[in-house]
Every structure is written in structure tokens, then in C-alpha cells.
N, C-alpha and C. Protein backbone atom coordinates (compact mmCIF):
# COMPACT_ATOMS: atom_id res chain seq x y z
N UNK A 1 0.85 -1.18 0.00
CA UNK A 1 0.00 0.00 0.00
C UNK A 1 0.89 1.24 0.00
N UNK A 2 0.47 2.23 -0.72
CA UNK A 2 1.26 3.46 -0.79
C UNK A 2 1.11 4.26 0.49
N UNK A 3 1.98 5.23 0.64
CA UNK A 3 2.00 6.06 1.84
C UNK A 3 0.73 6.90 1.95
N UNK A 4 0.33 7.17 3.17
CA UNK A 4 -0.78 8.06 3.48
C UNK A 4 -0.27 9.49 3.33
N UNK A 5 -1.01 10.34 2.66
CA UNK A 5 -0.56 11.70 2.37
C UNK A 5 -1.47 12.74 3.03
N UNK A 6 -0.99 13.98 3.03
CA UNK A 6 -1.84 15.06 3.55
C UNK A 6 -3.10 15.20 2.70
N UNK A 7 -3.01 14.94 1.41
CA UNK A 7 -4.19 15.00 0.55
C UNK A 7 -5.22 13.96 0.98
N UNK A 8 -4.75 12.76 1.35
CA UNK A 8 -5.66 11.72 1.86
C UNK A 8 -6.35 12.22 3.13
N UNK A 9 -5.57 12.79 4.03
CA UNK A 9 -6.14 13.30 5.28
C UNK A 9 -7.13 14.42 5.02
N UNK A 10 -6.78 15.36 4.15
CA UNK A 10 -7.67 16.48 3.87
C UNK A 10 -8.99 15.99 3.26
N UNK A 11 -8.92 14.97 2.41
CA UNK A 11 -10.15 14.41 1.84
C UNK A 11 -11.03 13.85 2.95
N UNK A 12 -10.43 13.11 3.87
CA UNK A 12 -11.17 12.53 4.98
C UNK A 12 -11.74 13.62 5.88
N UNK A 13 -10.95 14.65 6.16
CA UNK A 13 -11.42 15.74 7.02
C UNK A 13 -12.60 16.46 6.37
N UNK A 14 -12.55 16.64 5.06
CA UNK A 14 -13.67 17.28 4.37
C UNK A 14 -14.93 16.41 4.48
N UNK A 15 -14.75 15.10 4.35
CA UNK A 15 -15.88 14.18 4.49
C UNK A 15 -16.46 14.24 5.90
N UNK A 16 -15.59 14.33 6.89
CA UNK A 16 -16.04 14.39 8.29
C UNK A 16 -16.79 15.69 8.57
N UNK A 17 -16.31 16.79 8.02
CA UNK A 17 -16.90 18.10 8.29
C UNK A 17 -18.14 18.35 7.45
N UNK A 18 -18.28 17.66 6.37
CA UNK A 18 -19.37 17.95 5.44
C UNK A 18 -18.89 19.00 4.44
N UNK A 19 -19.26 18.84 3.21
CA UNK A 19 -18.74 19.71 2.15
C UNK A 19 -18.98 21.18 2.42
N UNK A 20 -20.18 21.54 2.94
CA UNK A 20 -20.46 22.95 3.15
C UNK A 20 -19.66 23.53 4.31
N UNK A 21 -19.15 22.68 5.20
CA UNK A 21 -18.37 23.16 6.33
C UNK A 21 -16.87 23.02 6.11
N UNK A 22 -16.49 22.53 4.96
CA UNK A 22 -15.08 22.24 4.70
C UNK A 22 -14.23 23.50 4.78
N UNK A 23 -13.10 23.34 5.40
CA UNK A 23 -12.12 24.42 5.53
C UNK A 23 -11.22 24.38 4.31
N UNK A 24 -10.73 25.52 3.88
CA UNK A 24 -9.78 25.57 2.76
C UNK A 24 -8.47 24.95 3.23
N UNK A 25 -8.18 23.76 2.74
CA UNK A 25 -6.99 23.03 3.17
C UNK A 25 -5.97 23.02 2.05
N UNK A 26 -5.03 23.92 2.13
CA UNK A 26 -3.95 23.99 1.15
C UNK A 26 -2.75 23.25 1.72
N UNK A 27 -1.70 23.12 0.93
CA UNK A 27 -0.50 22.44 1.42
C UNK A 27 0.11 23.17 2.61
N UNK A 28 -0.06 24.49 2.70
CA UNK A 28 0.46 25.25 3.84
C UNK A 28 -0.26 24.89 5.13
N UNK A 29 -1.47 24.37 5.03
CA UNK A 29 -2.25 24.01 6.21
C UNK A 29 -1.68 22.80 6.94
N UNK A 30 -0.82 22.03 6.30
CA UNK A 30 -0.28 20.82 6.91
C UNK A 30 0.47 21.07 8.21
N UNK A 31 1.04 22.26 8.35
CA UNK A 31 1.81 22.58 9.55
C UNK A 31 1.02 23.41 10.57
N UNK A 32 -0.23 23.71 10.28
CA UNK A 32 -1.06 24.46 11.21
C UNK A 32 -1.83 23.50 12.12
N UNK A 33 -2.08 23.92 13.34
CA UNK A 33 -2.81 23.07 14.27
C UNK A 33 -4.25 22.89 13.80
N UNK A 34 -4.80 21.70 14.07
CA UNK A 34 -6.17 21.42 13.68
C UNK A 34 -7.13 22.48 14.21
N UNK A 35 -6.94 22.92 15.46
CA UNK A 35 -7.83 23.92 16.05
C UNK A 35 -7.82 25.21 15.23
N UNK A 36 -6.66 25.61 14.74
CA UNK A 36 -6.57 26.82 13.93
C UNK A 36 -7.24 26.64 12.57
N UNK A 37 -7.32 25.40 12.12
CA UNK A 37 -7.98 25.09 10.85
C UNK A 37 -9.49 24.95 11.01
N UNK A 38 -9.96 25.01 12.26
CA UNK A 38 -11.39 24.92 12.51
C UNK A 38 -11.89 23.53 12.85
N UNK A 39 -10.98 22.60 13.13
CA UNK A 39 -11.37 21.23 13.48
C UNK A 39 -11.17 21.00 14.96
N UNK A 40 -12.21 20.45 15.62
CA UNK A 40 -12.11 20.15 17.04
C UNK A 40 -11.74 18.69 17.24
N UNK A 41 -11.67 18.28 18.50
CA UNK A 41 -11.25 16.91 18.81
C UNK A 41 -12.25 15.88 18.29
N UNK A 42 -13.52 16.22 18.22
CA UNK A 42 -14.50 15.28 17.68
C UNK A 42 -14.26 15.00 16.20
N UNK A 43 -13.93 16.03 15.45
CA UNK A 43 -13.62 15.83 14.03
C UNK A 43 -12.36 14.98 13.87
N UNK A 44 -11.38 15.21 14.74
CA UNK A 44 -10.15 14.42 14.68
C UNK A 44 -10.42 12.97 15.06
N UNK A 45 -11.27 12.75 16.07
CA UNK A 45 -11.62 11.38 16.45
C UNK A 45 -12.33 10.66 15.30
N UNK A 46 -13.20 11.36 14.60
CA UNK A 46 -13.87 10.77 13.44
C UNK A 46 -12.86 10.44 12.34
N UNK A 47 -11.91 11.33 12.11
CA UNK A 47 -10.88 11.08 11.10
C UNK A 47 -10.04 9.87 11.49
N UNK A 48 -9.66 9.77 12.76
CA UNK A 48 -8.88 8.62 13.23
C UNK A 48 -9.66 7.34 12.98
N UNK A 49 -10.93 7.33 13.32
CA UNK A 49 -11.77 6.15 13.12
C UNK A 49 -11.84 5.75 11.65
N UNK A 50 -12.03 6.73 10.78
CA UNK A 50 -12.10 6.44 9.34
C UNK A 50 -10.77 5.92 8.80
N UNK A 51 -9.68 6.49 9.25
CA UNK A 51 -8.36 6.04 8.80
C UNK A 51 -8.10 4.62 9.28
N UNK A 52 -8.41 4.34 10.54
CA UNK A 52 -8.19 2.99 11.07
C UNK A 52 -8.99 1.96 10.29
N UNK A 53 -10.25 2.25 10.02
CA UNK A 53 -11.10 1.31 9.26
C UNK A 53 -10.63 1.20 7.82
N UNK A 54 -10.34 2.33 7.20
CA UNK A 54 -9.99 2.33 5.78
C UNK A 54 -8.63 1.74 5.47
N UNK A 55 -7.70 1.85 6.42
CA UNK A 55 -6.33 1.39 6.16
C UNK A 55 -5.97 0.15 6.98
N UNK A 56 -6.90 -0.35 7.78
CA UNK A 56 -6.65 -1.57 8.53
C UNK A 56 -5.54 -1.44 9.56
N UNK A 57 -5.49 -0.28 10.22
CA UNK A 57 -4.46 -0.04 11.23
C UNK A 57 -5.12 0.38 12.54
N UNK A 58 -4.34 0.37 13.60
CA UNK A 58 -4.77 0.91 14.88
C UNK A 58 -3.76 1.97 15.28
N UNK A 59 -4.25 3.18 15.45
CA UNK A 59 -3.37 4.27 15.87
C UNK A 59 -3.29 4.29 17.39
N UNK A 60 -2.13 4.64 17.94
CA UNK A 60 -1.99 4.72 19.39
C UNK A 60 -2.98 5.73 19.97
N UNK A 61 -3.44 5.49 21.20
CA UNK A 61 -4.37 6.41 21.84
C UNK A 61 -3.81 7.82 21.93
N UNK A 62 -2.50 7.94 22.00
CA UNK A 62 -1.86 9.25 22.13
C UNK A 62 -2.01 10.10 20.87
N UNK A 63 -2.39 9.48 19.76
CA UNK A 63 -2.47 10.21 18.50
C UNK A 63 -3.36 11.44 18.62
N UNK A 64 -4.49 11.32 19.30
CA UNK A 64 -5.41 12.44 19.43
C UNK A 64 -4.76 13.63 20.13
N UNK A 65 -3.97 13.37 21.16
CA UNK A 65 -3.34 14.45 21.91
C UNK A 65 -2.03 14.93 21.34
N UNK A 66 -1.34 14.07 20.60
CA UNK A 66 -0.01 14.42 20.12
C UNK A 66 0.03 14.89 18.67
N UNK A 67 -0.90 14.44 17.86
CA UNK A 67 -0.92 14.83 16.44
C UNK A 67 -1.72 16.13 16.32
N UNK A 68 -1.07 17.23 16.62
CA UNK A 68 -1.76 18.52 16.64
C UNK A 68 -1.89 19.16 15.27
N UNK A 69 -1.11 18.67 14.30
CA UNK A 69 -1.15 19.22 12.94
C UNK A 69 -1.42 18.09 11.95
N UNK A 70 -1.92 18.42 10.77
CA UNK A 70 -2.08 17.40 9.75
C UNK A 70 -0.78 16.65 9.44
N UNK A 71 0.34 17.36 9.41
CA UNK A 71 1.62 16.71 9.13
C UNK A 71 1.95 15.66 10.19
N UNK A 72 1.70 15.98 11.46
CA UNK A 72 1.96 15.03 12.55
C UNK A 72 1.01 13.84 12.46
N UNK A 73 -0.23 14.08 12.08
CA UNK A 73 -1.20 13.00 11.91
C UNK A 73 -0.75 12.06 10.80
N UNK A 74 -0.34 12.61 9.68
CA UNK A 74 0.13 11.81 8.55
C UNK A 74 1.35 10.97 8.96
N UNK A 75 2.26 11.55 9.72
CA UNK A 75 3.43 10.82 10.21
C UNK A 75 3.00 9.64 11.08
N UNK A 76 2.02 9.85 11.96
CA UNK A 76 1.53 8.78 12.83
C UNK A 76 0.89 7.66 12.02
N UNK A 77 0.11 8.02 11.01
CA UNK A 77 -0.53 7.01 10.16
C UNK A 77 0.52 6.21 9.40
N UNK A 78 1.50 6.89 8.82
CA UNK A 78 2.54 6.18 8.07
C UNK A 78 3.39 5.29 8.96
N UNK A 79 3.61 5.69 10.21
CA UNK A 79 4.34 4.84 11.16
C UNK A 79 3.53 3.57 11.45
N UNK A 80 2.22 3.72 11.63
CA UNK A 80 1.36 2.55 11.87
C UNK A 80 1.32 1.65 10.64
N UNK A 81 1.28 2.23 9.46
CA UNK A 81 1.30 1.43 8.23
C UNK A 81 2.62 0.67 8.10
N UNK A 82 3.73 1.32 8.45
CA UNK A 82 5.04 0.67 8.37
C UNK A 82 5.14 -0.47 9.37
N UNK A 83 4.57 -0.29 10.56
CA UNK A 83 4.59 -1.35 11.57
C UNK A 83 3.79 -2.56 11.13
N UNK A 84 2.77 -2.32 10.33
CA UNK A 84 1.90 -3.40 9.87
C UNK A 84 2.54 -4.21 8.74
N UNK A 85 3.45 -3.60 8.01
CA UNK A 85 4.08 -4.25 6.87
C UNK A 85 5.14 -5.24 7.34
N UNK A 86 5.21 -6.41 6.69
CA UNK A 86 6.27 -7.36 7.05
C UNK A 86 7.64 -6.81 6.66
N UNK A 87 8.62 -7.20 7.41
CA UNK A 87 9.99 -6.74 7.14
C UNK A 87 10.44 -7.23 5.76
N UNK A 88 11.18 -6.41 5.07
CA UNK A 88 11.68 -6.78 3.75
C UNK A 88 12.59 -7.99 3.87
N UNK A 89 12.34 -8.95 3.02
CA UNK A 89 13.18 -10.14 3.01
C UNK A 89 12.76 -11.20 4.02
N UNK A 90 11.72 -10.93 4.81
CA UNK A 90 11.26 -11.92 5.79
C UNK A 90 10.53 -13.03 5.06
N UNK A 91 10.72 -14.23 5.52
CA UNK A 91 10.07 -15.36 4.86
C UNK A 91 8.98 -15.92 5.70
């Protein structure tokens, strides 16, 4: 599976917020805190749930408190995806 990107996250966040409530999420938004982008902890919890179901991973409970920006969230998702993948060359 390919890496999870900020574009993937922004798509999910738009779905969680509803199209009419969607925030303008540009590439510069990746380093801004979710709260500054207009997303509260409930929206982030919904995004976490959708990512876990959609990508077959479990994110650590700390993700909600530690992933304050989209970039940090994407890093956490990619770390979970990497942990799920078998080691290269393993038989």
C-alpha cells in the first residue's frame, strides 16, 4: 500500500466536516494546528476512526493528543502502516 498523504487526510477531514463546512486546506495548512484550521477533537476522532477502518491499522491512543497538525497526523498514520508491513526479506 502506498504512503498516506496530507491529501488523503484532507479528503477525509472534508468528508467528516461535510462539504459545506469544509475548511480551505492547502499544502500550507499541513503545519497548522487542527484547532486553527477549525477542526475540534470530535472531528479528529472521526478522522482517526475512518483512517483505522480504511487502512486496517490501529493508531496509538496518544495520536489524538499528540498529532496537533495534519503533518503530525500523517506521520503517525505512516508509522502505523510501516509497523503493519512485514519486514523486507522476511520469509
